[in-house]
Amino acid sequence: MRFLAPLISLVALWVMPAVAQEFTTLKGHGGPIMDIAVAPDGTVVTASFDNSVGVWRDGVPTWLEGHEAAVVAIDASSQPGVLSGGDDFRVLSLHPEISTEDLGVITKHMGKVSDVAYSPETTYFASASWDGTIHLVSVGEYLLNRSNHGVPYEARVLTGHSSGVTSIGFLRDDVLFSASSDGTVRIWERKNDSFESRPIVKQGFGINELIVSDDWLAYGAVDGGTRIVHPVTGEQIADFTLDRRPILSMAYHADTDQLAVGDGHGYIMMIDTTAWKITRDFRATRKGPVWALAFSNDGKTIWAGGLDDVAYGWPVDSLDKFDPAMGQDRSFLKAADTMPNGERQFMRKCSICHALEEGPSRKAGPTMHGIFGRRAGTVPGYSYSDILDGSDIIWDETTIDALFDQGPDHYIPGSKMPMQVIAKPQDRADLITFLKDTTVQGD
């Protein structure tokens, strides 16, 4: 059942009594939160590893489906539609009242999508990809031809980076910035009917995140650097490099001059962009990274996502009063040494994508209930990759052992399953025993 968890979680019980019920959790996804956006009316929108987008109104989610792999990037500024990009290489326009088939595919990259954005006047969609390109699509032309029956619209492809493009942001409809794992930030300016680019930042470490404002750019890098530069010259204005890496998420609220930065060590750093000073440095996670950040429209709440299948919203003014809440153990807070080895292998290798219970779930993969003796690609209601749809594989002790011995990318090339190898034969045997004990039909 999809529902909003109570406002107080197990972890919230550990925080100071004065603020124990003042942070909010949005629970319902079946995998980690990969991105968060806030729509113009204040609606929180979440993207997840479970292939879906959640639109949260009064704590109740509406699920937008269409991607065939993890959704990692969203832009909700053109409400009620949501611009989304995923690990299936596709950029979609998701809408609660229009089917994905009717909307069609905006564009498709040659690699995973890393970021998506509308231009300020919604003249363009833009998307960035690990294939090293930016795709630019006219919104007007796309809407005229949106019933394209799944065929991607022919996008304008911008090239210039030497490796994956990780983040993009518009200054105006005719000026776009991009960051890359090649260690550069580029500015793209429209000249007549083309976009010309030049680098304004060159550094030795890959850049993961980019924030664009009228007077400055902020970027976050693999080395833990959070640097502020002039948007035309690239001249450095401020440097907030700390001994935590990498920078994985950023959010900016212009009206309150707040810049939020999330890192791999689980901290959210808040920066005053008028005085250029750190105002708060909050440990948000018990373990793991902060992958997603977004401000509420009034700037009073910071939303965050990470390893959990939960989005957390904290009041900015009270951040310093909270203990870490994100990064709970996925095995329902059970210590690893209290589980038998087969269960540990399932939790580490399978649980993020697969449920053990019968029926539909919000996880990225189909349920494992009844897997023994079942033909691969036959769980009703799940959208399989072409290679598994109609497969001759029958899941049993031998095929499951081979799957994890070789890894899905070798055993079933072209499937959506992420690479997972269990090298030790005994670990594979223990996993199979656990699955037989917990997934057999009728148990």
Protein backbone atom coordinates (compact mmCIF):
# COMPACT_ATOMS: atom_id res chain seq x y z
CA MET A 1 0.00 0.00 0.00
CA ARG A 2 1.32 3.43 -0.93
CA PHE A 3 1.11 5.81 1.97
CA LEU A 4 2.79 8.62 3.83
CA ALA A 5 4.64 7.37 6.86
CA PRO A 6 3.92 9.06 10.18
CA LEU A 7 5.78 12.30 10.65
CA ILE A 8 7.93 10.69 13.25
CA SER A 9 10.22 7.83 12.26
CA LEU A 10 12.28 5.49 14.40
CA VAL A 11 15.25 7.77 13.92
CA ALA A 12 13.27 10.87 14.85
CA LEU A 13 12.80 9.41 18.32
CA TRP A 14 16.47 10.00 18.96
CA VAL A 15 16.46 13.74 18.37
CA MET A 16 15.88 16.41 20.99
CA PRO A 17 12.29 16.36 22.34
CA ALA A 18 11.76 20.04 21.52
CA VAL A 19 12.04 19.33 17.79
CA ALA A 20 11.32 15.60 17.59
CA GLN A 21 8.22 16.04 15.41
CA GLU A 22 9.34 19.03 13.37
CA PHE A 23 10.91 17.26 10.43
CA THR A 24 8.85 15.58 7.75
CA THR A 25 9.30 12.26 5.99
CA LEU A 26 7.75 11.22 2.67
CA LYS A 27 7.73 7.45 2.41
CA GLY A 28 6.43 5.23 -0.37
CA HIS A 29 9.21 4.75 -2.91
CA GLY A 30 10.81 1.35 -3.33
CA GLY A 31 14.38 2.58 -3.66
CA PRO A 32 16.76 5.44 -2.86
CA ILE A 33 15.78 9.02 -3.67
CA MET A 34 17.92 10.21 -6.58
CA ASP A 35 16.54 13.74 -7.08
CA ILE A 36 14.05 16.16 -5.52
CA ALA A 37 12.28 19.20 -6.97
CA VAL A 38 9.64 21.59 -5.67
CA ALA A 39 6.92 22.76 -8.06
CA PRO A 40 5.62 26.36 -8.21
CA ASP A 41 2.65 25.50 -5.97
CA GLY A 42 4.93 23.95 -3.34
CA THR A 43 4.33 20.33 -4.31
CA VAL A 44 7.35 18.13 -3.60
CA VAL A 45 8.40 15.86 -6.46
CA THR A 46 10.79 12.94 -5.97
CA ALA A 47 12.71 10.71 -8.38
CA SER A 48 13.82 7.26 -7.33
CA PHE A 49 15.88 4.22 -8.14
CA ASP A 50 12.53 2.38 -8.35
CA ASN A 51 11.99 3.84 -11.87
CA SER A 52 9.22 6.20 -10.76
CA VAL A 53 8.47 9.84 -9.94
CA GLY A 54 6.35 10.70 -6.90
CA VAL A 55 4.25 13.87 -6.77
CA TRP A 56 3.38 14.56 -3.12
CA ARG A 57 0.26 16.55 -2.20
CA ASP A 58 -0.74 16.67 1.45
CA GLY A 59 1.56 13.75 2.09
CA VAL A 60 -0.11 11.50 -0.51
CA PRO A 61 1.87 10.49 -3.62
CA THR A 62 0.73 10.30 -7.20
CA TRP A 63 3.05 7.96 -9.08
CA LEU A 64 4.25 8.93 -12.55
CA GLU A 65 5.61 5.96 -14.47
CA GLY A 66 7.29 5.59 -17.83
CA HIS A 67 10.99 5.03 -17.29
CA GLU A 68 12.51 1.57 -17.62
CA ALA A 69 15.37 2.23 -15.20
CA ALA A 70 16.21 4.51 -12.29
CA VAL A 71 14.96 8.11 -12.56
CA VAL A 72 17.88 10.34 -11.58
CA ALA A 73 16.93 13.87 -12.66
CA ILE A 74 13.72 15.91 -12.59
CA ASP A 75 12.53 19.47 -13.22
CA ALA A 76 9.05 20.34 -11.91
CA SER A 77 9.02 24.03 -12.81
CA SER A 78 6.45 23.55 -15.58
CA GLN A 79 3.65 22.18 -13.46
CA PRO A 80 1.75 19.81 -13.59
CA GLY A 81 4.13 18.09 -15.98
CA VAL A 82 7.51 16.82 -14.81
CA LEU A 83 10.61 16.71 -16.98
CA SER A 84 12.55 13.56 -16.12
CA GLY A 85 15.73 11.78 -17.14
CA GLY A 86 16.80 8.25 -16.33
CA ASP A 87 19.33 5.49 -16.52
CA ASP A 88 17.35 4.19 -19.51
CA PHE A 89 19.01 7.01 -21.53
CA ARG A 90 15.62 8.69 -22.10
CA VAL A 91 14.17 12.10 -21.29
CA LEU A 92 10.40 12.05 -20.74
CA SER A 93 7.64 14.53 -20.03
CA LEU A 94 5.54 12.88 -17.32
CA HIS A 95 2.03 14.14 -16.60
CA PRO A 96 -0.59 12.91 -14.09
CA GLU A 97 -3.41 13.15 -16.66
CA ILE A 98 -1.68 12.20 -19.92
CA SER A 99 -0.19 8.80 -20.66
CA THR A 100 3.50 8.48 -21.43
CA GLU A 101 2.59 6.91 -24.77
CA ASP A 102 0.62 10.01 -25.76
CA LEU A 103 3.35 12.38 -24.60
CA GLY A 104 6.08 10.41 -26.30
CA VAL A 105 9.83 10.50 -25.69
CA ILE A 106 11.46 13.93 -25.70
CA THR A 107 14.92 12.66 -26.57
CA LYS A 108 17.20 9.68 -26.10
CA HIS A 109 20.92 9.81 -25.36
CA MET A 110 23.63 7.23 -25.98
CA GLY A 111 24.28 7.01 -22.23
CA LYS A 112 22.60 7.56 -18.88
CA VAL A 113 20.95 10.95 -18.35
CA SER A 114 22.54 12.98 -15.53
CA ASP A 115 20.48 16.20 -15.49
CA VAL A 116 17.47 17.89 -17.07
CA ALA A 117 16.31 21.51 -17.13
CA TYR A 118 13.76 23.89 -18.59
CA SER A 119 14.92 27.27 -19.81
CA PRO A 120 13.48 30.24 -17.83
CA GLU A 121 10.79 30.99 -20.41
CA THR A 122 10.24 27.25 -21.08
CA THR A 123 11.44 27.75 -24.64
CA TYR A 124 13.75 24.74 -24.40
CA PHE A 125 14.18 21.40 -22.70
CA ALA A 126 17.82 20.55 -22.05
CA SER A 127 19.34 17.29 -20.90
CA ALA A 128 22.86 16.21 -20.01
CA SER A 129 24.31 12.74 -20.33
CA TRP A 130 27.28 10.58 -19.51
CA ASP A 131 27.65 10.20 -23.28
CA GLY A 132 29.33 13.64 -23.23
CA THR A 133 26.53 15.55 -24.92
CA ILE A 134 23.77 18.04 -24.16
CA HIS A 135 20.47 17.66 -25.99
CA LEU A 136 18.45 20.80 -26.64
CA VAL A 137 14.81 20.54 -27.75
CA SER A 138 12.37 23.31 -28.65
CA VAL A 139 9.36 22.94 -26.34
CA GLY A 140 7.04 24.37 -28.99
CA GLU A 141 8.21 22.00 -31.70
CA TYR A 142 8.06 19.04 -29.35
CA LEU A 143 4.46 19.83 -28.33
CA LEU A 144 3.44 20.03 -31.98
CA ASN A 145 4.90 16.57 -32.60
CA ARG A 146 4.55 14.91 -29.21
CA SER A 147 2.41 11.99 -30.38
CA ASN A 148 5.49 10.35 -31.82
CA HIS A 149 4.63 6.84 -30.61
CA GLY A 150 7.80 6.42 -28.58
CA VAL A 151 10.18 7.75 -31.22
CA PRO A 152 12.47 10.40 -29.69
CA TYR A 153 12.18 13.91 -31.06
CA GLU A 154 15.22 14.97 -33.08
CA ALA A 155 17.16 17.11 -30.61
CA ARG A 156 19.92 19.60 -31.24
CA VAL A 157 23.08 17.93 -29.91
CA LEU A 158 25.70 20.14 -28.26
CA THR A 159 29.22 18.74 -28.06
CA GLY A 160 32.36 20.20 -26.53
CA HIS A 161 33.07 18.33 -23.31
CA SER A 162 35.59 15.49 -23.46
CA SER A 163 33.69 13.25 -21.05
CA GLY A 164 30.33 12.96 -19.30
CA VAL A 165 28.20 16.06 -18.79
CA THR A 166 27.03 15.97 -15.19
CA SER A 167 24.99 19.14 -14.60
CA ILE A 168 23.34 21.93 -16.60
CA GLY A 169 21.60 25.22 -15.86
CA PHE A 170 20.14 28.09 -17.87
CA LEU A 171 20.89 31.75 -17.18
CA ARG A 172 18.51 32.85 -19.93
CA ASP A 173 16.83 31.04 -22.78
CA ASP A 174 19.85 31.83 -24.94
CA VAL A 175 22.59 31.15 -22.36
CA LEU A 176 23.26 27.71 -20.88
CA PHE A 177 26.03 26.46 -18.57
CA SER A 178 27.28 22.90 -18.25
CA ALA A 179 29.64 21.03 -15.93
CA SER A 180 31.51 17.85 -16.69
CA SER A 181 33.60 15.05 -15.28
CA ASP A 182 36.34 16.46 -17.53
CA GLY A 183 36.85 19.17 -14.87
CA THR A 184 35.40 22.07 -16.85
CA VAL A 185 32.41 24.39 -16.79
CA ARG A 186 31.35 25.67 -20.21
CA ILE A 187 29.09 28.54 -21.23
CA TRP A 188 26.87 28.03 -24.28
CA GLU A 189 25.57 31.20 -25.98
CA ARG A 190 23.13 31.34 -28.84
CA LYS A 191 24.57 33.01 -31.93
CA ASN A 192 22.00 33.26 -34.70
CA ASP A 193 20.75 29.68 -35.09
CA SER A 194 23.55 27.88 -33.27
CA PHE A 195 24.99 27.63 -29.76
CA GLU A 196 28.69 28.37 -29.37
CA SER A 197 30.62 27.39 -26.25
CA ARG A 198 33.82 28.10 -24.40
CA PRO A 199 35.22 26.89 -21.07
CA ILE A 200 35.13 29.32 -18.15
CA VAL A 201 36.47 26.92 -15.53
CA LYS A 202 39.27 24.39 -15.98
CA GLN A 203 40.40 22.32 -13.03
CA GLY A 204 41.88 18.92 -12.34
CA PHE A 205 38.89 17.24 -10.72
CA GLY A 206 35.56 16.21 -12.18
CA ILE A 207 32.61 18.49 -11.45
CA ASN A 208 29.32 16.94 -10.31
CA GLU A 209 26.99 19.86 -9.61
CA LEU A 210 26.28 23.34 -10.94
CA ILE A 211 24.09 26.22 -9.75
CA VAL A 212 23.47 29.22 -12.04
CA SER A 213 22.50 32.67 -10.79
CA ASP A 214 22.58 36.13 -12.38
CA ASP A 215 25.80 37.19 -10.66
CA TRP A 216 27.72 33.99 -9.95
CA LEU A 217 28.04 30.28 -10.59
CA ALA A 218 28.57 27.65 -7.91
CA TYR A 219 30.02 24.27 -8.70
CA GLY A 220 30.74 21.19 -6.62
CA ALA A 221 33.58 18.84 -7.48
CA VAL A 222 34.89 15.36 -6.80
CA ASP A 223 37.68 16.77 -4.61
CA GLY A 224 35.10 18.19 -2.18
CA GLY A 225 35.44 21.71 -3.50
CA THR A 226 32.48 24.08 -3.48
CA ARG A 227 33.63 27.08 -5.47
CA ILE A 228 31.91 30.27 -6.56
CA VAL A 229 32.99 31.95 -9.80
CA HIS A 230 32.00 34.85 -12.04
CA PRO A 231 29.60 33.60 -14.73
CA VAL A 232 31.41 35.28 -17.63
CA THR A 233 35.09 35.27 -16.72
CA GLY A 234 35.24 32.28 -14.41
CA GLU A 235 37.18 34.33 -11.86
CA GLN A 236 36.88 32.80 -8.39
CA ILE A 237 34.73 34.66 -5.87
CA ALA A 238 34.76 32.21 -2.94
CA ASP A 239 35.97 28.73 -2.02
CA PHE A 240 34.25 26.51 0.56
CA THR A 241 36.38 23.39 0.13
CA LEU A 242 36.16 21.14 3.19
CA ASP A 243 37.70 17.77 3.96
CA ARG A 244 34.62 15.89 2.71
CA ARG A 245 34.19 14.52 -0.76
CA PRO A 246 32.70 14.36 -3.26
CA ILE A 247 30.08 17.09 -3.65
CA LEU A 248 26.94 15.32 -4.87
CA SER A 249 24.04 17.77 -4.66
CA MET A 250 23.26 21.49 -4.56
CA ALA A 251 20.19 23.71 -4.19
CA TYR A 252 19.74 27.48 -4.27
CA HIS A 253 16.98 29.73 -2.92
CA ALA A 254 17.39 33.21 -4.38
CA ASP A 255 14.91 35.08 -2.18
CA THR A 256 16.67 34.07 1.04
CA ASP A 257 20.22 33.98 -0.40
CA GLN A 258 20.77 30.37 0.66
CA LEU A 259 22.96 27.81 -1.09
CA ALA A 260 22.77 24.21 0.17
CA VAL A 261 25.52 21.69 -0.57
CA GLY A 262 25.34 17.92 0.03
CA ASP A 263 28.36 15.62 0.06
CA GLY A 264 29.44 12.00 0.16
CA HIS A 265 30.01 12.09 3.91
CA GLY A 266 26.36 12.93 4.57
CA TYR A 267 26.59 16.63 5.44
CA ILE A 268 24.44 19.52 4.27
CA MET A 269 26.38 22.78 4.29
CA MET A 270 24.36 26.01 4.17
CA ILE A 271 26.01 29.11 2.69
CA ASP A 272 24.87 32.73 2.87
CA THR A 273 25.38 34.01 -0.68
CA THR A 274 25.42 37.67 0.29
CA ALA A 275 28.15 37.45 2.95
CA TRP A 276 29.70 34.30 1.40
CA LYS A 277 29.99 32.47 4.68
CA ILE A 278 28.91 29.10 6.03
CA THR A 279 25.89 29.51 8.29
CA ARG A 280 25.21 25.86 9.14
CA ASP A 281 26.98 22.55 8.66
CA PHE A 282 24.50 19.76 9.39
CA ARG A 283 25.25 16.04 9.58
CA ALA A 284 22.14 14.73 7.85
CA THR A 285 22.95 11.03 7.51
CA ARG A 286 24.00 8.33 9.90
CA LYS A 287 25.93 6.93 6.97
CA GLY A 288 26.01 7.40 3.23
CA PRO A 289 25.69 10.39 0.90
CA VAL A 290 23.26 13.23 0.31
CA TRP A 291 22.27 12.69 -3.31
CA ALA A 292 19.42 15.18 -3.67
CA LEU A 293 18.54 18.62 -2.29
CA ALA A 294 15.73 21.13 -2.86
CA PHE A 295 14.37 24.16 -0.99
CA SER A 296 10.70 24.72 -0.30
CA ASN A 297 9.35 27.77 -2.13
CA ASP A 298 9.61 29.95 0.98
CA GLY A 299 13.15 28.77 1.71
CA LYS A 300 12.22 27.59 5.21
CA THR A 301 12.57 23.85 4.54
CA ILE A 302 15.41 21.90 2.95
CA TRP A 303 14.41 18.59 1.36
CA ALA A 304 17.02 15.84 1.05
CA GLY A 305 17.37 12.31 -0.28
CA GLY A 306 20.01 9.62 -0.07
CA LEU A 307 20.30 5.89 0.46
CA ASP A 308 16.87 5.64 2.09
CA ASP A 309 13.63 5.19 0.18
CA VAL A 310 12.41 8.25 2.12
CA ALA A 311 12.61 12.00 1.44
CA TYR A 312 13.35 14.15 4.49
CA GLY A 313 12.32 17.77 5.02
CA TRP A 314 14.06 19.78 7.76
CA PRO A 315 13.29 23.34 8.93
CA VAL A 316 16.39 25.31 8.00
CA ASP A 317 16.35 27.46 11.15
CA SER A 318 16.47 24.37 13.38
CA LEU A 319 19.00 22.25 11.49
CA ASP A 320 21.62 22.46 14.22
CA LYS A 321 19.22 20.90 16.74
CA PHE A 322 18.74 17.62 14.88
CA ASP A 323 20.69 14.40 15.04
CA PRO A 324 21.40 12.54 11.78
CA ALA A 325 18.29 10.81 10.43
CA MET A 326 19.07 9.67 6.88
CA GLY A 327 21.08 6.59 6.02
CA GLN A 328 19.18 3.96 7.97
CA ASP A 329 20.20 0.33 7.54
CA ARG A 330 18.06 -1.09 4.76
CA SER A 331 17.52 -4.35 6.67
CA PHE A 332 14.98 -2.74 9.01
CA LEU A 333 17.73 -1.60 11.37
CA LYS A 334 18.95 -5.19 11.96
CA ALA A 335 22.68 -5.47 12.53
CA ALA A 336 24.47 -7.47 9.82
CA ASP A 337 25.99 -9.86 12.37
CA THR A 338 22.50 -10.88 13.57
CA MET A 339 21.45 -12.18 10.13
CA PRO A 340 22.37 -15.52 8.56
CA ASN A 341 24.74 -15.21 5.62
CA GLY A 342 22.08 -15.84 2.98
CA GLU A 343 19.96 -12.97 4.28
CA ARG A 344 23.01 -10.70 4.37
CA GLN A 345 23.71 -11.50 0.72
CA PHE A 346 20.10 -10.70 -0.20
CA MET A 347 20.18 -7.39 1.69
CA ARG A 348 23.46 -6.36 0.08
CA LYS A 349 22.88 -7.54 -3.47
CA CYS A 350 19.13 -7.84 -4.07
CA SER A 351 16.94 -5.93 -1.61
CA ILE A 352 17.34 -2.51 -3.19
CA CYS A 353 15.57 -3.79 -6.36
CA HIS A 354 13.51 -6.81 -5.32
CA ALA A 355 10.84 -7.61 -2.73
CA LEU A 356 10.24 -11.05 -1.26
CA GLU A 357 6.49 -10.62 -0.80
CA GLU A 358 3.83 -11.58 -3.32
CA GLY A 359 2.18 -8.82 -5.35
CA PRO A 360 3.27 -5.46 -6.77
CA SER A 361 5.84 -3.27 -5.04
CA ARG A 362 7.53 0.06 -5.59
CA LYS A 363 10.94 -1.49 -6.10
CA ALA A 364 12.82 -1.27 -9.39
CA GLY A 365 12.66 -4.99 -10.12
CA PRO A 366 9.92 -7.66 -10.00
CA THR A 367 9.17 -9.57 -6.81
CA MET A 368 11.20 -12.70 -6.08
CA HIS A 369 8.17 -14.41 -4.54
CA GLY A 370 7.69 -17.73 -6.34
CA ILE A 371 10.91 -17.37 -8.30
CA PHE A 372 11.88 -21.06 -8.24
CA GLY A 373 10.47 -22.77 -11.32
CA ARG A 374 9.32 -19.50 -12.86
CA ARG A 375 10.27 -18.54 -16.39
CA ALA A 376 12.27 -15.29 -16.50
CA GLY A 377 10.35 -12.23 -17.67
CA THR A 378 6.88 -13.42 -16.69
CA VAL A 379 5.80 -11.52 -13.55
CA PRO A 380 2.49 -9.84 -14.51
CA GLY A 381 2.55 -6.05 -14.68
CA TYR A 382 6.33 -5.64 -14.76
CA SER A 383 7.95 -3.99 -17.81
CA TYR A 384 10.88 -6.21 -18.75
CA SER A 385 13.74 -5.49 -21.09
CA ASP A 386 13.42 -7.06 -24.54
CA ILE A 387 16.08 -9.64 -23.72
CA LEU A 388 14.07 -11.03 -20.77
CA ASP A 389 10.60 -10.67 -22.27
CA GLY A 390 10.00 -14.18 -23.61
CA SER A 391 13.28 -15.56 -22.26
CA ASP A 392 13.83 -19.34 -22.08
CA ILE A 393 15.57 -19.08 -18.68
CA ILE A 394 13.87 -20.96 -15.85
CA TRP A 395 14.93 -19.72 -12.43
CA ASP A 396 16.29 -22.52 -10.25
CA GLU A 397 19.37 -23.27 -8.15
CA THR A 398 21.58 -23.60 -11.25
CA THR A 399 20.46 -20.47 -13.11
CA ILE A 400 20.45 -18.24 -10.00
CA ASP A 401 23.95 -19.47 -9.15
CA ALA A 402 25.12 -18.71 -12.69
CA LEU A 403 23.48 -15.28 -12.63
CA PHE A 404 25.51 -14.16 -9.61
CA ASP A 405 28.65 -16.09 -10.56
CA GLN A 406 28.92 -14.37 -13.95
CA GLY A 407 26.97 -11.20 -13.15
CA PRO A 408 23.75 -10.16 -14.94
CA ASP A 409 25.69 -8.09 -17.49
CA HIS A 410 27.39 -11.30 -18.72
CA TYR A 411 24.70 -13.89 -18.03
CA ILE A 412 21.89 -11.84 -19.59
CA PRO A 413 23.55 -9.08 -21.69
CA GLY A 414 21.14 -6.23 -22.35
CA SER A 415 18.95 -6.74 -19.29
CA LYS A 416 18.12 -3.90 -16.89
CA MET A 417 19.69 -5.68 -13.92
CA PRO A 418 22.70 -3.82 -12.48
CA MET A 419 26.04 -5.58 -12.33
CA GLN A 420 26.12 -7.74 -9.18
CA VAL A 421 28.64 -10.54 -8.66
CA ILE A 422 28.86 -12.86 -5.65
CA ALA A 423 32.32 -14.32 -6.00
CA LYS A 424 32.31 -16.98 -3.27
CA PRO A 425 30.41 -20.21 -4.07
CA GLN A 426 29.32 -20.59 -0.44
CA ASP A 427 27.82 -17.08 -0.41
CA ARG A 428 25.83 -17.93 -3.55
CA ALA A 429 24.69 -21.21 -2.02
CA ASP A 430 23.60 -19.45 1.17
CA LEU A 431 21.66 -16.86 -0.84
CA ILE A 432 19.87 -19.61 -2.78
CA THR A 433 18.97 -21.39 0.47
CA PHE A 434 17.59 -18.12 1.89
CA LEU A 435 15.52 -17.50 -1.24
CA LYS A 436 14.11 -21.04 -1.18
CA ASP A 437 13.11 -20.56 2.45
CA THR A 438 11.39 -17.19 1.88
CA THR A 439 9.99 -17.15 -1.67
CA VAL A 440 8.44 -20.55 -2.30
CA GLN A 441 4.81 -20.26 -3.38
CA GLY A 442 2.39 -20.92 -0.57
CA ASP A 443 4.81 -20.10 2.26
